[in-house]
């Protein structure tokens, strides 16, 4: 297996920087986001892979936020947060 290369991906919307680790794999490239294990991609070139990782990261973050919002809403309706005071 080839050496792992790291690139930074900055998400302007969330003001967070993520680490994209990529590695040559046969005729193509594989990659993953270190801080978000759900995000894994493969593509034919480094540039295409980095774009895929960035796109998949954004979609995953959006899905996570929507799931979190839904769970919070359900918890509020169920009264699970009634004992919390601010």
C-alpha atoms as a PDB file:
ATOM      1  CA  UNK A   1       0.000   0.000   0.000  1.00  0.00           C
ATOM      2  CA  UNK A   2       1.221   3.489  -0.814  1.00  0.00           C
ATOM      3  CA  UNK A   3       2.050   6.250   1.649  1.00  0.00           C
ATOM      4  CA  UNK A   4      -0.862   8.229   3.138  1.00  0.00           C
ATOM      5  CA  UNK A   5      -0.990  11.908   2.171  1.00  0.00           C
ATOM      6  CA  UNK A   6      -2.927  14.494   4.194  1.00  0.00           C
ATOM      7  CA  UNK A   7      -4.751  17.588   2.953  1.00  0.00           C
ATOM      8  CA  UNK A   8      -6.786  20.172   4.828  1.00  0.00           C
ATOM      9  CA  UNK A   9     -10.393  20.855   3.860  1.00  0.00           C
ATOM     10  CA  UNK A  10     -11.868  24.030   5.307  1.00  0.00           C
ATOM     11  CA  UNK A  11     -15.633  24.182   5.666  1.00  0.00           C
ATOM     12  CA  UNK A  12     -16.565  27.870   5.494  1.00  0.00           C
ATOM     13  CA  UNK A  13     -20.149  27.284   6.623  1.00  0.00           C
ATOM     14  CA  UNK A  14     -19.152  25.597   9.888  1.00  0.00           C
ATOM     15  CA  UNK A  15     -15.765  27.367  10.175  1.00  0.00           C
ATOM     16  CA  UNK A  16     -14.011  24.074  10.761  1.00  0.00           C
ATOM     17  CA  UNK A  17     -10.961  22.508   9.158  1.00  0.00           C
ATOM     18  CA  UNK A  18     -10.903  18.773   8.515  1.00  0.00           C
ATOM     19  CA  UNK A  19      -8.060  16.437   7.572  1.00  0.00           C
ATOM     20  CA  UNK A  20      -8.473  14.448   4.364  1.00  0.00           C
ATOM     21  CA  UNK A  21      -6.190  11.407   4.285  1.00  0.00           C
ATOM     22  CA  UNK A  22      -5.675   9.901   0.850  1.00  0.00           C
ATOM     23  CA  UNK A  23      -3.789   6.923  -0.451  1.00  0.00           C
ATOM     24  CA  UNK A  24      -3.144   5.459  -3.879  1.00  0.00           C
ATOM     25  CA  UNK A  25      -4.949   2.167  -4.307  1.00  0.00           C
ATOM     26  CA  UNK A  26      -4.287   0.265  -7.523  1.00  0.00           C
ATOM     27  CA  UNK A  27      -5.476   2.382 -10.442  1.00  0.00           C
ATOM     28  CA  UNK A  28      -7.253   4.906  -8.248  1.00  0.00           C
ATOM     29  CA  UNK A  29      -7.268   6.696  -4.915  1.00  0.00           C
ATOM     30  CA  UNK A  30      -9.058   6.150  -1.628  1.00  0.00           C
ATOM     31  CA  UNK A  31      -9.620   8.755   1.035  1.00  0.00           C
ATOM     32  CA  UNK A  32     -11.299   9.470   4.327  1.00  0.00           C
ATOM     33  CA  UNK A  33     -11.876  12.365   6.689  1.00  0.00           C
ATOM     34  CA  UNK A  34      -9.930  11.803   9.886  1.00  0.00           C
ATOM     35  CA  UNK A  35     -12.358  13.728  12.101  1.00  0.00           C
ATOM     36  CA  UNK A  36     -15.487  12.157  10.614  1.00  0.00           C
ATOM     37  CA  UNK A  37     -15.155   8.380  10.105  1.00  0.00           C
ATOM     38  CA  UNK A  38     -18.426   8.152   8.126  1.00  0.00           C
ATOM     39  CA  UNK A  39     -16.805  10.020   5.229  1.00  0.00           C
ATOM     40  CA  UNK A  40     -14.918   7.652   2.908  1.00  0.00           C
ATOM     41  CA  UNK A  41     -14.567   7.922  -0.869  1.00  0.00           C
ATOM     42  CA  UNK A  42     -12.633   6.595  -3.807  1.00  0.00           C
ATOM     43  CA  UNK A  43     -11.953   8.110  -7.203  1.00  0.00           C
ATOM     44  CA  UNK A  44      -9.598   7.991 -10.164  1.00  0.00           C
ATOM     45  CA  UNK A  45      -7.504  11.120  -9.461  1.00  0.00           C
ATOM     46  CA  UNK A  46      -6.404  13.081  -6.398  1.00  0.00           C
ATOM     47  CA  UNK A  47      -8.372  16.164  -7.483  1.00  0.00           C
ATOM     48  CA  UNK A  48     -11.560  14.174  -8.080  1.00  0.00           C
ATOM     49  CA  UNK A  49     -11.119  12.387  -4.754  1.00  0.00           C
ATOM     50  CA  UNK A  50     -10.662  15.618  -2.808  1.00  0.00           C
ATOM     51  CA  UNK A  51     -13.809  17.052  -4.422  1.00  0.00           C
ATOM     52  CA  UNK A  52     -15.719  13.866  -3.588  1.00  0.00           C
ATOM     53  CA  UNK A  53     -14.499  13.956   0.012  1.00  0.00           C
ATOM     54  CA  UNK A  54     -15.474  17.610   0.397  1.00  0.00           C
ATOM     55  CA  UNK A  55     -18.924  17.002  -1.091  1.00  0.00           C
ATOM     56  CA  UNK A  56     -19.537  13.857   0.981  1.00  0.00           C
ATOM     57  CA  UNK A  57     -18.327  15.617   4.137  1.00  0.00           C
ATOM     58  CA  UNK A  58     -20.781  18.469   3.575  1.00  0.00           C
ATOM     59  CA  UNK A  59     -23.680  16.080   2.931  1.00  0.00           C
ATOM     60  CA  UNK A  60     -22.794  14.040   6.020  1.00  0.00           C
ATOM     61  CA  UNK A  61     -22.548  17.113   8.248  1.00  0.00           C
ATOM     62  CA  UNK A  62     -25.926  18.350   6.991  1.00  0.00           C
ATOM     63  CA  UNK A  63     -27.525  14.941   7.606  1.00  0.00           C
ATOM     64  CA  UNK A  64     -26.025  14.797  11.118  1.00  0.00           C
ATOM     65  CA  UNK A  65     -27.343  18.275  11.948  1.00  0.00           C
ATOM     66  CA  UNK A  66     -30.827  17.409  10.657  1.00  0.00           C
ATOM     67  CA  UNK A  67     -30.844  14.201  12.715  1.00  0.00           C
ATOM     68  CA  UNK A  68     -29.681  16.123  15.788  1.00  0.00           C
ATOM     69  CA  UNK A  69     -32.389  18.771  15.283  1.00  0.00           C
ATOM     70  CA  UNK A  70     -35.057  16.070  14.879  1.00  0.00           C
ATOM     71  CA  UNK A  71     -33.904  14.244  18.023  1.00  0.00           C
ATOM     72  CA  UNK A  72     -33.856  17.487  20.012  1.00  0.00           C
ATOM     73  CA  UNK A  73     -37.367  18.313  18.846  1.00  0.00           C
ATOM     74  CA  UNK A  74     -38.588  14.825  19.815  1.00  0.00           C
ATOM     75  CA  UNK A  75     -36.910  15.083  23.230  1.00  0.00           C
ATOM     76  CA  UNK A  76     -38.552  18.467  23.865  1.00  0.00           C
ATOM     77  CA  UNK A  77     -41.991  17.115  22.912  1.00  0.00           C
ATOM     78  CA  UNK A  78     -41.448  14.088  25.160  1.00  0.00           C
ATOM     79  CA  UNK A  79     -40.544  16.338  28.093  1.00  0.00           C
ATOM     80  CA  UNK A  80     -37.025  14.944  28.420  1.00  0.00           C
ATOM     81  CA  UNK A  81     -35.581  18.439  28.764  1.00  0.00           C
ATOM     82  CA  UNK A  82     -38.151  19.849  31.188  1.00  0.00           C
ATOM     83  CA  UNK A  83     -35.823  19.524  34.203  1.00  0.00           C
ATOM     84  CA  UNK A  84     -33.057  21.555  32.581  1.00  0.00           C
ATOM     85  CA  UNK A  85     -32.878  25.167  33.729  1.00  0.00           C
ATOM     86  CA  UNK A  86     -30.779  27.909  32.234  1.00  0.00           C
END
